[in-house]
Amino acid sequence: MKELIEYIAKSIANNPDAVVVTEEREDGDDERVTLKLQVDPEDMGRVIGKQGRVAQAMRTLLRVKAVKEGVRVNLEIG
């Protein structure tokens, strides 16, 4: 899942080298995953998209992949 978000964000961003995705799992809970996406401040608008459409699309793709893996996932962009 981390690789999926990283690929999408690097494809959108003008500065793909600044894209960093970290994965955090809750202590003792392998069913909850939080992905934190950090991009260059200039690329923040591109990654979020108009009215959050790009961010929502990334979250939708994550949900599909998470269901296949049997986990719950949350994407934080900051």
PDB file of N, CA and C in Angstrom:
ATOM      1  N   MET A   1       0.824  -1.182   0.000  1.00  0.00           N
ATOM      2  CA  MET A   1       0.000   0.000   0.000  1.00  0.00           C
ATOM      3  C   MET A   1       0.872   1.251   0.000  1.00  0.00           C
ATOM      4  N   LYS A   2       1.954   1.191   0.753  1.00  0.00           N
ATOM      5  CA  LYS A   2       2.874   2.323   0.822  1.00  0.00           C
ATOM      6  C   LYS A   2       3.426   2.642  -0.573  1.00  0.00           C
ATOM      7  N   GLU A   3       3.770   1.602  -1.313  1.00  0.00           N
ATOM      8  CA  GLU A   3       4.341   1.784  -2.638  1.00  0.00           C
ATOM      9  C   GLU A   3       3.332   2.404  -3.599  1.00  0.00           C
ATOM     10  N   LEU A   4       2.058   2.035  -3.459  1.00  0.00           N
ATOM     11  CA  LEU A   4       1.010   2.585  -4.308  1.00  0.00           C
ATOM     12  C   LEU A   4       0.892   4.102  -4.130  1.00  0.00           C
ATOM     13  N   ILE A   5       0.816   4.550  -2.888  1.00  0.00           N
ATOM     14  CA  ILE A   5       0.695   5.982  -2.609  1.00  0.00           C
ATOM     15  C   ILE A   5       1.954   6.720  -3.042  1.00  0.00           C
ATOM     16  N   GLU A   6       3.100   6.119  -2.808  1.00  0.00           N
ATOM     17  CA  GLU A   6       4.360   6.748  -3.199  1.00  0.00           C
ATOM     18  C   GLU A   6       4.419   6.918  -4.722  1.00  0.00           C
ATOM     19  N   TYR A   7       4.004   5.905  -5.451  1.00  0.00           N
ATOM     20  CA  TYR A   7       4.005   5.972  -6.919  1.00  0.00           C
ATOM     21  C   TYR A   7       3.070   7.063  -7.422  1.00  0.00           C
ATOM     22  N   ILE A   8       1.859   7.121  -6.884  1.00  0.00           N
ATOM     23  CA  ILE A   8       0.883   8.127  -7.320  1.00  0.00           C
ATOM     24  C   ILE A   8       1.388   9.532  -7.009  1.00  0.00           C
ATOM     25  N   ALA A   9       1.876   9.741  -5.789  1.00  0.00           N
ATOM     26  CA  ALA A   9       2.333  11.072  -5.377  1.00  0.00           C
ATOM     27  C   ALA A   9       3.540  11.527  -6.197  1.00  0.00           C
ATOM     28  N   LYS A  10       4.478  10.624  -6.457  1.00  0.00           N
ATOM     29  CA  LYS A  10       5.649  10.999  -7.252  1.00  0.00           C
ATOM     30  C   LYS A  10       5.265  11.312  -8.686  1.00  0.00           C
ATOM     31  N   SER A  11       4.225  10.655  -9.194  1.00  0.00           N
ATOM     32  CA  SER A  11       3.768  10.918 -10.557  1.00  0.00           C
ATOM     33  C   SER A  11       3.129  12.294 -10.677  1.00  0.00           C
ATOM     34  N   ILE A  12       2.486  12.757  -9.606  1.00  0.00           N
ATOM     35  CA  ILE A  12       1.787  14.038  -9.621  1.00  0.00           C
ATOM     36  C   ILE A  12       2.703  15.207  -9.302  1.00  0.00           C
ATOM     37  N   ALA A  13       3.627  15.011  -8.371  1.00  0.00           N
ATOM     38  CA  ALA A  13       4.434  16.104  -7.824  1.00  0.00           C
ATOM     39  C   ALA A  13       5.458  16.634  -8.823  1.00  0.00           C
ATOM     40  N   ASN A  14       5.719  17.934  -8.736  1.00  0.00           N
ATOM     41  CA  ASN A  14       6.781  18.549  -9.531  1.00  0.00           C
ATOM     42  C   ASN A  14       8.156  18.210  -8.960  1.00  0.00           C
ATOM     43  N   ASN A  15       8.213  17.979  -7.651  1.00  0.00           N
ATOM     44  CA  ASN A  15       9.450  17.623  -6.977  1.00  0.00           C
ATOM     45  C   ASN A  15       9.300  16.221  -6.370  1.00  0.00           C
ATOM     46  N   PRO A  16       9.434  15.176  -7.187  1.00  0.00           N
ATOM     47  CA  PRO A  16       9.196  13.818  -6.690  1.00  0.00           C
ATOM     48  C   PRO A  16      10.201  13.349  -5.642  1.00  0.00           C
ATOM     49  N   ASP A  17      11.363  13.983  -5.581  1.00  0.00           N
ATOM     50  CA  ASP A  17      12.361  13.587  -4.588  1.00  0.00           C
ATOM     51  C   ASP A  17      11.934  13.951  -3.171  1.00  0.00           C
ATOM     52  N   ALA A  18      11.009  14.897  -3.031  1.00  0.00           N
ATOM     53  CA  ALA A  18      10.560  15.335  -1.711  1.00  0.00           C
ATOM     54  C   ALA A  18       9.400  14.495  -1.177  1.00  0.00           C
ATOM     55  N   VAL A  19       8.918  13.535  -1.957  1.00  0.00           N
ATOM     56  CA  VAL A  19       7.801  12.692  -1.529  1.00  0.00           C
ATOM     57  C   VAL A  19       8.304  11.636  -0.557  1.00  0.00           C
ATOM     58  N   VAL A  20       7.680  11.606   0.630  1.00  0.00           N
ATOM     59  CA  VAL A  20       8.034  10.618   1.653  1.00  0.00           C
ATOM     60  C   VAL A  20       6.751  10.013   2.192  1.00  0.00           C
ATOM     61  N   VAL A  21       6.687   8.684   2.186  1.00  0.00           N
ATOM     62  CA  VAL A  21       5.526   7.977   2.731  1.00  0.00           C
ATOM     63  C   VAL A  21       6.018   7.095   3.865  1.00  0.00           C
ATOM     64  N   THR A  22       5.420   7.265   5.046  1.00  0.00           N
ATOM     65  CA  THR A  22       5.767   6.423   6.188  1.00  0.00           C
ATOM     66  C   THR A  22       4.543   5.612   6.580  1.00  0.00           C
ATOM     67  N   GLU A  23       4.791   4.401   7.019  1.00  0.00           N
ATOM     68  CA  GLU A  23       3.726   3.486   7.407  1.00  0.00           C
ATOM     69  C   GLU A  23       3.820   3.218   8.898  1.00  0.00           C
ATOM     70  N   GLU A  24       2.715   3.401   9.591  1.00  0.00           N
ATOM     71  CA  GLU A  24       2.675   3.149  11.026  1.00  0.00           C
ATOM     72  C   GLU A  24       1.576   2.145  11.325  1.00  0.00           C
ATOM     73  N   ARG A  25       1.907   1.166  12.134  1.00  0.00           N
ATOM     74  CA  ARG A  25       0.907   0.187  12.574  1.00  0.00           C
ATOM     75  C   ARG A  25       0.666   0.406  14.057  1.00  0.00           C
ATOM     76  N   GLU A  26      -0.598   0.295  14.444  1.00  0.00           N
ATOM     77  CA  GLU A  26      -0.956   0.469  15.858  1.00  0.00           C
ATOM     78  C   GLU A  26      -0.273  -0.625  16.675  1.00  0.00           C
ATOM     79  N   ASP A  27       0.105  -0.314  17.907  1.00  0.00           N
ATOM     80  CA  ASP A  27       0.757  -1.294  18.778  1.00  0.00           C
ATOM     81  C   ASP A  27      -0.149  -2.499  19.006  1.00  0.00           C
ATOM     82  N   GLY A  28       0.346  -3.666  18.637  1.00  0.00           N
ATOM     83  CA  GLY A  28      -0.390  -4.892  18.863  1.00  0.00           C
ATOM     84  C   GLY A  28      -1.593  -5.088  17.960  1.00  0.00           C
ATOM     85  N   ASP A  29      -1.788  -4.197  17.011  1.00  0.00           N
ATOM     86  CA  ASP A  29      -2.945  -4.296  16.125  1.00  0.00           C
ATOM     87  C   ASP A  29      -2.463  -4.263  14.684  1.00  0.00           C
ATOM     88  N   ASP A  30      -2.398  -5.426  14.056  1.00  0.00           N
ATOM     89  CA  ASP A  30      -1.939  -5.504  12.671  1.00  0.00           C
ATOM     90  C   ASP A  30      -3.038  -5.157  11.679  1.00  0.00           C
ATOM     91  N   GLU A  31      -4.244  -4.888  12.169  1.00  0.00           N
ATOM     92  CA  GLU A  31      -5.349  -4.602  11.274  1.00  0.00           C
ATOM     93  C   GLU A  31      -5.509  -3.112  10.983  1.00  0.00           C
ATOM     94  N   ARG A  32      -4.805  -2.246  11.691  1.00  0.00           N
ATOM     95  CA  ARG A  32      -4.909  -0.796  11.470  1.00  0.00           C
ATOM     96  C   ARG A  32      -3.569  -0.259  10.992  1.00  0.00           C
ATOM     97  N   VAL A  33      -3.606   0.406   9.844  1.00  0.00           N
ATOM     98  CA  VAL A  33      -2.395   0.969   9.250  1.00  0.00           C
ATOM     99  C   VAL A  33      -2.654   2.446   8.956  1.00  0.00           C
ATOM    100  N   THR A  34      -1.694   3.288   9.322  1.00  0.00           N
ATOM    101  CA  THR A  34      -1.769   4.711   8.998  1.00  0.00           C
ATOM    102  C   THR A  34      -0.611   5.043   8.075  1.00  0.00           C
ATOM    103  N   LEU A  35      -0.929   5.589   6.913  1.00  0.00           N
ATOM    104  CA  LEU A  35       0.091   6.040   5.972  1.00  0.00           C
ATOM    105  C   LEU A  35       0.157   7.555   6.035  1.00  0.00           C
ATOM    106  N   LYS A  36       1.360   8.080   6.211  1.00  0.00           N
ATOM    107  CA  LYS A  36       1.562   9.527   6.259  1.00  0.00           C
ATOM    108  C   LYS A  36       2.341   9.948   5.021  1.00  0.00           C
ATOM    109  N   LEU A  37       1.723  10.827   4.245  1.00  0.00           N
ATOM    110  CA  LEU A  37       2.321  11.311   3.011  1.00  0.00           C
ATOM    111  C   LEU A  37       2.814  12.732   3.217  1.00  0.00           C
ATOM    112  N   GLN A  38       4.094  12.943   2.951  1.00  0.00           N
ATOM    113  CA  GLN A  38       4.685  14.278   3.053  1.00  0.00           C
ATOM    114  C   GLN A  38       5.240  14.652   1.688  1.00  0.00           C
ATOM    115  N   VAL A  39       4.885  15.851   1.239  1.00  0.00           N
ATOM    116  CA  VAL A  39       5.354  16.347  -0.045  1.00  0.00           C
ATOM    117  C   VAL A  39       5.885  17.763   0.132  1.00  0.00           C
ATOM    118  N   ASP A  40       6.542  18.264  -0.890  1.00  0.00           N
ATOM    119  CA  ASP A  40       7.024  19.643  -0.903  1.00  0.00           C
ATOM    120  C   ASP A  40       5.817  20.574  -0.763  1.00  0.00           C
ATOM    121  N   PRO A  41       5.939  21.646   0.016  1.00  0.00           N
ATOM    122  CA  PRO A  41       4.791  22.559   0.188  1.00  0.00           C
ATOM    123  C   PRO A  41       4.218  23.090  -1.126  1.00  0.00           C
ATOM    124  N   GLU A  42       5.051  23.252  -2.144  1.00  0.00           N
ATOM    125  CA  GLU A  42       4.566  23.725  -3.438  1.00  0.00           C
ATOM    126  C   GLU A  42       3.701  22.680  -4.142  1.00  0.00           C
ATOM    127  N   ASP A  43       3.902  21.404  -3.820  1.00  0.00           N
ATOM    128  CA  ASP A  43       3.145  20.319  -4.449  1.00  0.00           C
ATOM    129  C   ASP A  43       1.898  19.929  -3.668  1.00  0.00           C
ATOM    130  N   MET A  44       1.678  20.538  -2.523  1.00  0.00           N
ATOM    131  CA  MET A  44       0.552  20.153  -1.676  1.00  0.00           C
ATOM    132  C   MET A  44      -0.779  20.291  -2.420  1.00  0.00           C
ATOM    133  N   GLY A  45      -0.959  21.373  -3.133  1.00  0.00           N
ATOM    134  CA  GLY A  45      -2.197  21.590  -3.878  1.00  0.00           C
ATOM    135  C   GLY A  45      -2.400  20.571  -4.984  1.00  0.00           C
ATOM    136  N   ARG A  46      -1.323  20.175  -5.629  1.00  0.00           N
ATOM    137  CA  ARG A  46      -1.416  19.180  -6.698  1.00  0.00           C
ATOM    138  C   ARG A  46      -1.817  17.823  -6.137  1.00  0.00           C
ATOM    139  N   VAL A  47      -1.252  17.459  -4.995  1.00  0.00           N
ATOM    140  CA  VAL A  47      -1.518  16.149  -4.408  1.00  0.00           C
ATOM    141  C   VAL A  47      -2.934  16.080  -3.841  1.00  0.00           C
ATOM    142  N   ILE A  48      -3.413  17.166  -3.280  1.00  0.00           N
ATOM    143  CA  ILE A  48      -4.767  17.183  -2.732  1.00  0.00           C
ATOM    144  C   ILE A  48      -5.795  17.336  -3.852  1.00  0.00           C
ATOM    145  N   GLY A  49      -5.514  18.178  -4.819  1.00  0.00           N
ATOM    146  CA  GLY A  49      -6.411  18.358  -5.949  1.00  0.00           C
ATOM    147  C   GLY A  49      -7.542  19.328  -5.642  1.00  0.00           C
ATOM    148  N   LYS A  50      -8.266  19.701  -6.679  1.00  0.00           N
ATOM    149  CA  LYS A  50      -9.392  20.616  -6.500  1.00  0.00           C
ATOM    150  C   LYS A  50     -10.469  19.923  -5.686  1.00  0.00           C
ATOM    151  N   GLN A  51     -10.884  20.601  -4.632  1.00  0.00           N
ATOM    152  CA  GLN A  51     -11.904  20.102  -3.707  1.00  0.00           C
ATOM    153  C   GLN A  51     -11.541  18.732  -3.143  1.00  0.00           C
ATOM    154  N   GLY A  52     -10.240  18.418  -3.097  1.00  0.00           N
ATOM    155  CA  GLY A  52      -9.775  17.170  -2.485  1.00  0.00           C
ATOM    156  C   GLY A  52     -10.016  15.933  -3.322  1.00  0.00           C
ATOM    157  N   ARG A  53     -10.242  16.108  -4.598  1.00  0.00           N
ATOM    158  CA  ARG A  53     -10.585  14.959  -5.447  1.00  0.00           C
ATOM    159  C   ARG A  53      -9.438  13.969  -5.619  1.00  0.00           C
ATOM    160  N   VAL A  54      -8.215  14.454  -5.776  1.00  0.00           N
ATOM    161  CA  VAL A  54      -7.075  13.553  -5.951  1.00  0.00           C
ATOM    162  C   VAL A  54      -6.828  12.788  -4.649  1.00  0.00           C
ATOM    163  N   ALA A  55      -6.879  13.482  -3.525  1.00  0.00           N
ATOM    164  CA  ALA A  55      -6.685  12.829  -2.228  1.00  0.00           C
ATOM    165  C   ALA A  55      -7.774  11.783  -1.995  1.00  0.00           C
ATOM    166  N   GLN A  56      -9.003  12.103  -2.345  1.00  0.00           N
ATOM    167  CA  GLN A  56     -10.106  11.159  -2.170  1.00  0.00           C
ATOM    168  C   GLN A  56      -9.923   9.940  -3.068  1.00  0.00           C
ATOM    169  N   ALA A  57      -9.434  10.144  -4.272  1.00  0.00           N
ATOM    170  CA  ALA A  57      -9.183   9.023  -5.185  1.00  0.00           C
ATOM    171  C   ALA A  57      -8.096   8.114  -4.625  1.00  0.00           C
ATOM    172  N   MET A  58      -7.036   8.705  -4.048  1.00  0.00           N
ATOM    173  CA  MET A  58      -5.981   7.891  -3.438  1.00  0.00           C
ATOM    174  C   MET A  58      -6.532   7.085  -2.267  1.00  0.00           C
ATOM    175  N   ARG A  59      -7.386   7.701  -1.463  1.00  0.00           N
ATOM    176  CA  ARG A  59      -7.990   6.993  -0.327  1.00  0.00           C
ATOM    177  C   ARG A  59      -8.885   5.850  -0.801  1.00  0.00           C
ATOM    178  N   THR A  60      -9.595   6.065  -1.895  1.00  0.00           N
ATOM    179  CA  THR A  60     -10.454   5.013  -2.441  1.00  0.00           C
ATOM    180  C   THR A  60      -9.624   3.826  -2.916  1.00  0.00           C
ATOM    181  N   LEU A  61      -8.542   4.100  -3.628  1.00  0.00           N
ATOM    182  CA  LEU A  61      -7.657   3.018  -4.069  1.00  0.00           C
ATOM    183  C   LEU A  61      -7.063   2.277  -2.878  1.00  0.00           C
ATOM    184  N   LEU A  62      -6.706   3.021  -1.837  1.00  0.00           N
ATOM    185  CA  LEU A  62      -6.167   2.387  -0.631  1.00  0.00           C
ATOM    186  C   LEU A  62      -7.189   1.469   0.019  1.00  0.00           C
ATOM    187  N   ARG A  63      -8.440   1.918   0.078  1.00  0.00           N
ATOM    188  CA  ARG A  63      -9.494   1.097   0.687  1.00  0.00           C
ATOM    189  C   ARG A  63      -9.659  -0.223  -0.054  1.00  0.00           C
ATOM    190  N   VAL A  64      -9.609  -0.162  -1.385  1.00  0.00           N
ATOM    191  CA  VAL A  64      -9.752  -1.375  -2.189  1.00  0.00           C
ATOM    192  C   VAL A  64      -8.619  -2.344  -1.884  1.00  0.00           C
ATOM    193  N   LYS A  65      -7.413  -1.831  -1.857  1.00  0.00           N
ATOM    194  CA  LYS A  65      -6.252  -2.688  -1.576  1.00  0.00           C
ATOM    195  C   LYS A  65      -6.290  -3.208  -0.137  1.00  0.00           C
ATOM    196  N   ALA A  66      -6.750  -2.378   0.791  1.00  0.00           N
ATOM    197  CA  ALA A  66      -6.820  -2.783   2.196  1.00  0.00           C
ATOM    198  C   ALA A  66      -7.828  -3.901   2.408  1.00  0.00           C
ATOM    199  N   VAL A  67      -8.940  -3.847   1.703  1.00  0.00           N
ATOM    200  CA  VAL A  67      -9.944  -4.903   1.828  1.00  0.00           C
ATOM    201  C   VAL A  67      -9.359  -6.232   1.372  1.00  0.00           C
ATOM    202  N   LYS A  68      -8.590  -6.208   0.310  1.00  0.00           N
ATOM    203  CA  LYS A  68      -7.965  -7.441  -0.185  1.00  0.00           C
ATOM    204  C   LYS A  68      -6.976  -8.012   0.826  1.00  0.00           C
ATOM    205  N   GLU A  69      -6.302  -7.120   1.578  1.00  0.00           N
ATOM    206  CA  GLU A  69      -5.317  -7.555   2.562  1.00  0.00           C
ATOM    207  C   GLU A  69      -5.926  -7.780   3.943  1.00  0.00           C
ATOM    208  N   GLY A  70      -7.184  -7.394   4.108  1.00  0.00           N
ATOM    209  CA  GLY A  70      -7.867  -7.601   5.381  1.00  0.00           C
ATOM    210  C   GLY A  70      -7.437  -6.648   6.479  1.00  0.00           C
ATOM    211  N   VAL A  71      -7.114  -5.413   6.110  1.00  0.00           N
ATOM    212  CA  VAL A  71      -6.703  -4.414   7.097  1.00  0.00           C
ATOM    213  C   VAL A  71      -7.531  -3.142   6.897  1.00  0.00           C
ATOM    214  N   ARG A  72      -7.434  -2.233   7.866  1.00  0.00           N
ATOM    215  CA  ARG A  72      -8.048  -0.903   7.746  1.00  0.00           C
ATOM    216  C   ARG A  72      -6.911   0.085   7.562  1.00  0.00           C
ATOM    217  N   VAL A  73      -7.098   1.032   6.675  1.00  0.00           N
ATOM    218  CA  VAL A  73      -6.026   1.966   6.369  1.00  0.00           C
ATOM    219  C   VAL A  73      -6.534   3.399   6.430  1.00  0.00           C
ATOM    220  N   ASN A  74      -5.634   4.286   6.837  1.00  0.00           N
ATOM    221  CA  ASN A  74      -5.942   5.713   6.926  1.00  0.00           C
ATOM    222  C   ASN A  74      -4.793   6.466   6.260  1.00  0.00           C
ATOM    223  N   LEU A  75      -5.121   7.448   5.419  1.00  0.00           N
ATOM    224  CA  LEU A  75      -4.102   8.251   4.744  1.00  0.00           C
ATOM    225  C   LEU A  75      -4.120   9.669   5.299  1.00  0.00           C
ATOM    226  N   GLU A  76      -2.963  10.102   5.786  1.00  0.00           N
ATOM    227  CA  GLU A  76      -2.812  11.470   6.282  1.00  0.00           C
ATOM    228  C   GLU A  76      -1.847  12.202   5.363  1.00  0.00           C
ATOM    229  N   ILE A  77      -2.278  13.357   4.881  1.00  0.00           N
ATOM    230  CA  ILE A  77      -1.432  14.161   3.998  1.00  0.00           C
ATOM    231  C   ILE A  77      -1.031  15.416   4.747  1.00  0.00           C
ATOM    232  N   GLY A  78       0.263  15.648   4.849  1.00  0.00           N
ATOM    233  CA  GLY A  78       0.709  16.813   5.594  1.00  0.00           C
ATOM    234  C   GLY A  78       2.127  17.172   5.318  1.00  0.00           C
TER     235      GLY A  78
END
